[in-house]
Amino acid sequence: MSRMVRENTVSGLRERIYFAQAMLRQLTHDQLEATPTIRLALRGAVIFHLYSALVGMIRQSAKTYQVPGADNLFSLAALEQAFTDAGVEAPEVAVLAQARKDRDDLLAWLDGEMQTALGAAGLARRPAPPSEANALNLMAEDRYAPLAEGDLERLFLASSRVAELVEHCVGYLEEW
């Protein structure tokens, strides 16, 4: 039996978060011993789905407030600027803008990760296995490097943060 596609924005946002969390579980359990390329692809998918939930939320807000040109934007910064240019103040955009400005907020980190991924050297930061040539790297490992312990922990926390923010802001969105 196939699933019927619904034009329900809030359900779509929740679905993005579900996909991100499912891929994160796969990354940290089923694919724990997979090659770095597969794990990096899963990491990128988690980041993409979390970021897409935020972009979708702001795009829906833009439809509600009739902000021109927002349908074609896929950056949180660009969407915030569209609201500013239109002279529209929306509570969900204000919450997101405040979170993006706080360097300690996981949404700021997520935004930075997405922007880095879109850059020319997006995946060039992939981890290198220890060898004789880089033996000293073992002593100075970065626990926040992609796929390291701190990075995976931050992905889990970012997933929770995005889910909380979306649930907080769904009251502002129109769901039919």
C-alpha atoms as a PDB file:
ATOM      1  CA  MET A   1       0.000   0.000   0.000  1.00  0.00           C
ATOM      2  CA  SER A   2       1.450   3.360  -0.922  1.00  0.00           C
ATOM      3  CA  ARG A   3       1.351   6.387   1.276  1.00  0.00           C
ATOM      4  CA  MET A   4      -0.678   9.372   0.114  1.00  0.00           C
ATOM      5  CA  VAL A   5       1.262  12.602  -0.176  1.00  0.00           C
ATOM      6  CA  ARG A   6      -0.303  15.372   1.864  1.00  0.00           C
ATOM      7  CA  GLU A   7       0.084  19.088   1.563  1.00  0.00           C
ATOM      8  CA  ASN A   8       0.648  19.449   5.282  1.00  0.00           C
ATOM      9  CA  THR A   9       3.638  21.583   6.160  1.00  0.00           C
ATOM     10  CA  VAL A  10       3.912  20.672   9.816  1.00  0.00           C
ATOM     11  CA  SER A  11       3.783  16.956   9.022  1.00  0.00           C
ATOM     12  CA  GLY A  12       6.461  17.521   6.393  1.00  0.00           C
ATOM     13  CA  LEU A  13       8.685  19.275   8.923  1.00  0.00           C
ATOM     14  CA  ARG A  14       8.235  16.436  11.384  1.00  0.00           C
ATOM     15  CA  GLU A  15       9.001  13.945   8.630  1.00  0.00           C
ATOM     16  CA  ARG A  16      12.310  15.708   7.903  1.00  0.00           C
ATOM     17  CA  ILE A  17      13.219  15.489  11.569  1.00  0.00           C
ATOM     18  CA  TYR A  18      12.243  11.809  11.625  1.00  0.00           C
ATOM     19  CA  PHE A  19      14.491  11.098   8.621  1.00  0.00           C
ATOM     20  CA  ALA A  20      17.369  12.952  10.255  1.00  0.00           C
ATOM     21  CA  GLN A  21      16.963  11.008  13.486  1.00  0.00           C
ATOM     22  CA  ALA A  22      16.655   7.674  11.644  1.00  0.00           C
ATOM     23  CA  MET A  23      19.828   8.352   9.669  1.00  0.00           C
ATOM     24  CA  LEU A  24      21.606   9.462  12.810  1.00  0.00           C
ATOM     25  CA  ARG A  25      20.676   6.172  14.488  1.00  0.00           C
ATOM     26  CA  GLN A  26      21.955   4.331  11.431  1.00  0.00           C
ATOM     27  CA  LEU A  27      25.186   6.329  11.516  1.00  0.00           C
ATOM     28  CA  THR A  28      25.823   5.580  15.174  1.00  0.00           C
ATOM     29  CA  HIS A  29      24.622   1.952  15.235  1.00  0.00           C
ATOM     30  CA  ASP A  30      24.198   0.037  11.960  1.00  0.00           C
ATOM     31  CA  GLN A  31      26.933   1.844  10.030  1.00  0.00           C
ATOM     32  CA  LEU A  32      29.360   2.308  12.911  1.00  0.00           C
ATOM     33  CA  GLU A  33      31.980   0.144  11.187  1.00  0.00           C
ATOM     34  CA  ALA A  34      31.226   1.342   7.634  1.00  0.00           C
ATOM     35  CA  THR A  35      33.756   3.172   5.516  1.00  0.00           C
ATOM     36  CA  PRO A  36      34.220   6.887   6.237  1.00  0.00           C
ATOM     37  CA  THR A  37      32.616   7.794   2.895  1.00  0.00           C
ATOM     38  CA  ILE A  38      29.336   6.079   3.812  1.00  0.00           C
ATOM     39  CA  ARG A  39      29.394   7.585   7.283  1.00  0.00           C
ATOM     40  CA  LEU A  40      30.145  11.060   5.893  1.00  0.00           C
ATOM     41  CA  ALA A  41      27.234  10.706   3.471  1.00  0.00           C
ATOM     42  CA  LEU A  42      24.924   9.796   6.369  1.00  0.00           C
ATOM     43  CA  ARG A  43      26.277  12.705   8.416  1.00  0.00           C
ATOM     44  CA  GLY A  44      25.595  15.058   5.507  1.00  0.00           C
ATOM     45  CA  ALA A  45      22.075  13.675   5.126  1.00  0.00           C
ATOM     46  CA  VAL A  46      21.368  14.263   8.826  1.00  0.00           C
ATOM     47  CA  ILE A  47      22.549  17.865   8.559  1.00  0.00           C
ATOM     48  CA  PHE A  48      20.590  18.398   5.337  1.00  0.00           C
ATOM     49  CA  HIS A  49      17.306  17.083   6.780  1.00  0.00           C
ATOM     50  CA  LEU A  50      17.635  19.113   9.991  1.00  0.00           C
ATOM     51  CA  TYR A  51      18.446  22.274   8.046  1.00  0.00           C
ATOM     52  CA  SER A  52      15.615  21.563   5.590  1.00  0.00           C
ATOM     53  CA  ALA A  53      13.146  21.388   8.472  1.00  0.00           C
ATOM     54  CA  LEU A  54      14.193  24.886   9.548  1.00  0.00           C
ATOM     55  CA  VAL A  55      14.085  26.266   6.005  1.00  0.00           C
ATOM     56  CA  GLY A  56      10.670  24.664   5.463  1.00  0.00           C
ATOM     57  CA  MET A  57       9.367  26.220   8.643  1.00  0.00           C
ATOM     58  CA  ILE A  58      10.484  29.714   7.602  1.00  0.00           C
ATOM     59  CA  ARG A  59       9.219  29.246   4.050  1.00  0.00           C
ATOM     60  CA  GLN A  60       5.787  28.336   5.420  1.00  0.00           C
ATOM     61  CA  SER A  61       5.907  31.432   7.564  1.00  0.00           C
ATOM     62  CA  ALA A  62       6.785  33.450   4.458  1.00  0.00           C
ATOM     63  CA  LYS A  63       3.691  32.079   2.707  1.00  0.00           C
ATOM     64  CA  THR A  64       1.549  33.040   5.673  1.00  0.00           C
ATOM     65  CA  TYR A  65       2.972  36.574   5.766  1.00  0.00           C
ATOM     66  CA  GLN A  66       3.165  36.807   1.949  1.00  0.00           C
ATOM     67  CA  VAL A  67       6.900  37.571   1.848  1.00  0.00           C
ATOM     68  CA  PRO A  68       7.813  37.896  -1.845  1.00  0.00           C
ATOM     69  CA  GLY A  69      10.545  35.680  -3.319  1.00  0.00           C
ATOM     70  CA  ALA A  70      10.962  33.413  -0.281  1.00  0.00           C
ATOM     71  CA  ASP A  71       9.939  30.260  -2.180  1.00  0.00           C
ATOM     72  CA  ASN A  72      13.249  30.258  -4.056  1.00  0.00           C
ATOM     73  CA  LEU A  73      15.516  30.793  -1.043  1.00  0.00           C
ATOM     74  CA  PHE A  74      17.256  27.929   0.743  1.00  0.00           C
ATOM     75  CA  SER A  75      19.512  29.727   3.200  1.00  0.00           C
ATOM     76  CA  LEU A  76      18.291  30.779   6.629  1.00  0.00           C
ATOM     77  CA  ALA A  77      20.206  34.042   6.322  1.00  0.00           C
ATOM     78  CA  ALA A  78      18.593  34.781   2.947  1.00  0.00           C
ATOM     79  CA  LEU A  79      15.136  33.990   4.307  1.00  0.00           C
ATOM     80  CA  GLU A  80      15.687  36.264   7.318  1.00  0.00           C
ATOM     81  CA  GLN A  81      16.804  39.008   4.931  1.00  0.00           C
ATOM     82  CA  ALA A  82      13.667  38.531   2.812  1.00  0.00           C
ATOM     83  CA  PHE A  83      11.525  39.096   5.905  1.00  0.00           C
ATOM     84  CA  THR A  84      13.546  42.204   6.782  1.00  0.00           C
ATOM     85  CA  ASP A  85      13.284  43.546   3.216  1.00  0.00           C
ATOM     86  CA  ALA A  86       9.521  42.989   3.252  1.00  0.00           C
ATOM     87  CA  GLY A  87       9.223  44.739   6.629  1.00  0.00           C
ATOM     88  CA  VAL A  88       7.623  41.662   8.188  1.00  0.00           C
ATOM     89  CA  GLU A  89       8.283  40.637  11.766  1.00  0.00           C
ATOM     90  CA  ALA A  90       7.409  37.014  12.484  1.00  0.00           C
ATOM     91  CA  PRO A  91       8.017  35.432  15.892  1.00  0.00           C
ATOM     92  CA  GLU A  92       9.464  32.210  14.436  1.00  0.00           C
ATOM     93  CA  VAL A  93      11.946  34.162  12.326  1.00  0.00           C
ATOM     94  CA  ALA A  94      12.962  36.207  15.374  1.00  0.00           C
ATOM     95  CA  VAL A  95      13.538  33.028  17.411  1.00  0.00           C
ATOM     96  CA  LEU A  96      15.624  31.531  14.624  1.00  0.00           C
ATOM     97  CA  ALA A  97      17.602  34.740  14.047  1.00  0.00           C
ATOM     98  CA  GLN A  98      18.429  34.976  17.741  1.00  0.00           C
ATOM     99  CA  ALA A  99      19.557  31.336  17.796  1.00  0.00           C
ATOM    100  CA  ARG A 100      21.759  31.815  14.720  1.00  0.00           C
ATOM    101  CA  LYS A 101      23.485  34.818  16.326  1.00  0.00           C
ATOM    102  CA  ASP A 102      24.357  32.877  19.482  1.00  0.00           C
ATOM    103  CA  ARG A 103      27.576  30.985  18.703  1.00  0.00           C
ATOM    104  CA  ASP A 104      26.795  28.563  21.548  1.00  0.00           C
ATOM    105  CA  ASP A 105      23.425  27.610  20.067  1.00  0.00           C
ATOM    106  CA  LEU A 106      23.365  24.390  18.072  1.00  0.00           C
ATOM    107  CA  LEU A 107      21.340  26.094  15.341  1.00  0.00           C
ATOM    108  CA  ALA A 108      24.281  28.422  14.681  1.00  0.00           C
ATOM    109  CA  TRP A 109      26.536  25.371  14.427  1.00  0.00           C
ATOM    110  CA  LEU A 110      24.059  23.617  12.101  1.00  0.00           C
ATOM    111  CA  ASP A 111      23.847  26.704   9.892  1.00  0.00           C
ATOM    112  CA  GLY A 112      27.644  26.863   9.727  1.00  0.00           C
ATOM    113  CA  GLU A 113      27.882  23.156   8.849  1.00  0.00           C
ATOM    114  CA  MET A 114      25.371  23.587   6.036  1.00  0.00           C
ATOM    115  CA  GLN A 115      27.199  26.605   4.662  1.00  0.00           C
ATOM    116  CA  THR A 116      30.511  24.726   4.830  1.00  0.00           C
ATOM    117  CA  ALA A 117      29.011  21.752   3.021  1.00  0.00           C
ATOM    118  CA  LEU A 118      27.903  24.043   0.184  1.00  0.00           C
ATOM    119  CA  GLY A 119      31.419  25.477  -0.134  1.00  0.00           C
ATOM    120  CA  ALA A 120      34.068  24.259  -2.551  1.00  0.00           C
ATOM    121  CA  ALA A 121      35.921  22.332   0.138  1.00  0.00           C
ATOM    122  CA  GLY A 122      32.782  20.981   1.806  1.00  0.00           C
ATOM    123  CA  LEU A 123      33.913  17.420   2.431  1.00  0.00           C
ATOM    124  CA  ALA A 124      37.645  18.022   2.266  1.00  0.00           C
ATOM    125  CA  ARG A 125      37.662  17.984   6.071  1.00  0.00           C
ATOM    126  CA  ARG A 126      37.064  14.239   6.126  1.00  0.00           C
ATOM    127  CA  PRO A 127      38.983  12.286   8.742  1.00  0.00           C
ATOM    128  CA  ALA A 128      42.290  10.701   7.825  1.00  0.00           C
ATOM    129  CA  PRO A 129      43.225   7.363   9.376  1.00  0.00           C
ATOM    130  CA  PRO A 130      46.337   7.342  11.551  1.00  0.00           C
ATOM    131  CA  SER A 131      49.541   6.290   9.831  1.00  0.00           C
ATOM    132  CA  GLU A 132      53.258   6.629  10.353  1.00  0.00           C
ATOM    133  CA  ALA A 133      53.223   9.908   8.432  1.00  0.00           C
ATOM    134  CA  ASN A 134      50.637  11.447  10.748  1.00  0.00           C
ATOM    135  CA  ALA A 135      51.279   9.477  13.945  1.00  0.00           C
ATOM    136  CA  LEU A 136      51.237  12.629  16.057  1.00  0.00           C
ATOM    137  CA  ASN A 137      47.578  13.153  15.143  1.00  0.00           C
ATOM    138  CA  LEU A 138      46.710  10.437  17.636  1.00  0.00           C
ATOM    139  CA  MET A 139      47.863  12.665  20.464  1.00  0.00           C
ATOM    140  CA  ALA A 140      45.984  15.728  19.236  1.00  0.00           C
ATOM    141  CA  GLU A 141      42.708  14.251  18.008  1.00  0.00           C
ATOM    142  CA  ASP A 142      39.843  16.691  17.674  1.00  0.00           C
ATOM    143  CA  ARG A 143      36.777  15.164  19.298  1.00  0.00           C
ATOM    144  CA  TYR A 144      34.652  17.573  17.224  1.00  0.00           C
ATOM    145  CA  ALA A 145      36.117  16.575  13.846  1.00  0.00           C
ATOM    146  CA  PRO A 146      33.513  15.062  11.490  1.00  0.00           C
ATOM    147  CA  LEU A 147      32.483  11.597  12.720  1.00  0.00           C
ATOM    148  CA  ALA A 148      34.390  11.963  15.985  1.00  0.00           C
ATOM    149  CA  GLU A 149      32.671  11.392  19.343  1.00  0.00           C
ATOM    150  CA  GLY A 150      31.958  15.069  19.998  1.00  0.00           C
ATOM    151  CA  ASP A 151      30.657  15.616  16.473  1.00  0.00           C
ATOM    152  CA  LEU A 152      28.147  12.767  16.766  1.00  0.00           C
ATOM    153  CA  GLU A 153      27.051  14.012  20.177  1.00  0.00           C
ATOM    154  CA  ARG A 154      26.532  17.477  18.713  1.00  0.00           C
ATOM    155  CA  LEU A 155      24.440  15.972  15.888  1.00  0.00           C
ATOM    156  CA  PHE A 156      22.168  14.294  18.449  1.00  0.00           C
ATOM    157  CA  LEU A 157      21.821  17.544  20.385  1.00  0.00           C
ATOM    158  CA  ALA A 158      21.176  19.542  17.189  1.00  0.00           C
ATOM    159  CA  SER A 159      18.477  17.052  16.221  1.00  0.00           C
ATOM    160  CA  SER A 160      16.764  17.563  19.575  1.00  0.00           C
ATOM    161  CA  ARG A 161      17.155  21.353  19.306  1.00  0.00           C
ATOM    162  CA  VAL A 162      15.589  21.477  15.827  1.00  0.00           C
ATOM    163  CA  ALA A 163      12.711  19.226  16.935  1.00  0.00           C
ATOM    164  CA  GLU A 164      12.066  21.453  19.974  1.00  0.00           C
ATOM    165  CA  LEU A 165      12.184  24.628  17.887  1.00  0.00           C
ATOM    166  CA  VAL A 166       9.819  23.255  15.259  1.00  0.00           C
ATOM    167  CA  GLU A 167       7.363  22.098  17.936  1.00  0.00           C
ATOM    168  CA  HIS A 168       7.636  25.513  19.606  1.00  0.00           C
ATOM    169  CA  CYS A 169       6.959  27.355  16.347  1.00  0.00           C
ATOM    170  CA  VAL A 170       4.210  25.164  14.847  1.00  0.00           C
ATOM    171  CA  GLY A 171       1.681  27.236  16.720  1.00  0.00           C
ATOM    172  CA  TYR A 172       2.663  30.152  14.503  1.00  0.00           C
ATOM    173  CA  LEU A 173       2.178  28.163  11.302  1.00  0.00           C
ATOM    174  CA  GLU A 174      -1.099  27.500   9.591  1.00  0.00           C
ATOM    175  CA  GLU A 175      -1.869  23.795   9.379  1.00  0.00           C
ATOM    176  CA  TRP A 176      -4.907  22.767   7.405  1.00  0.00           C
END
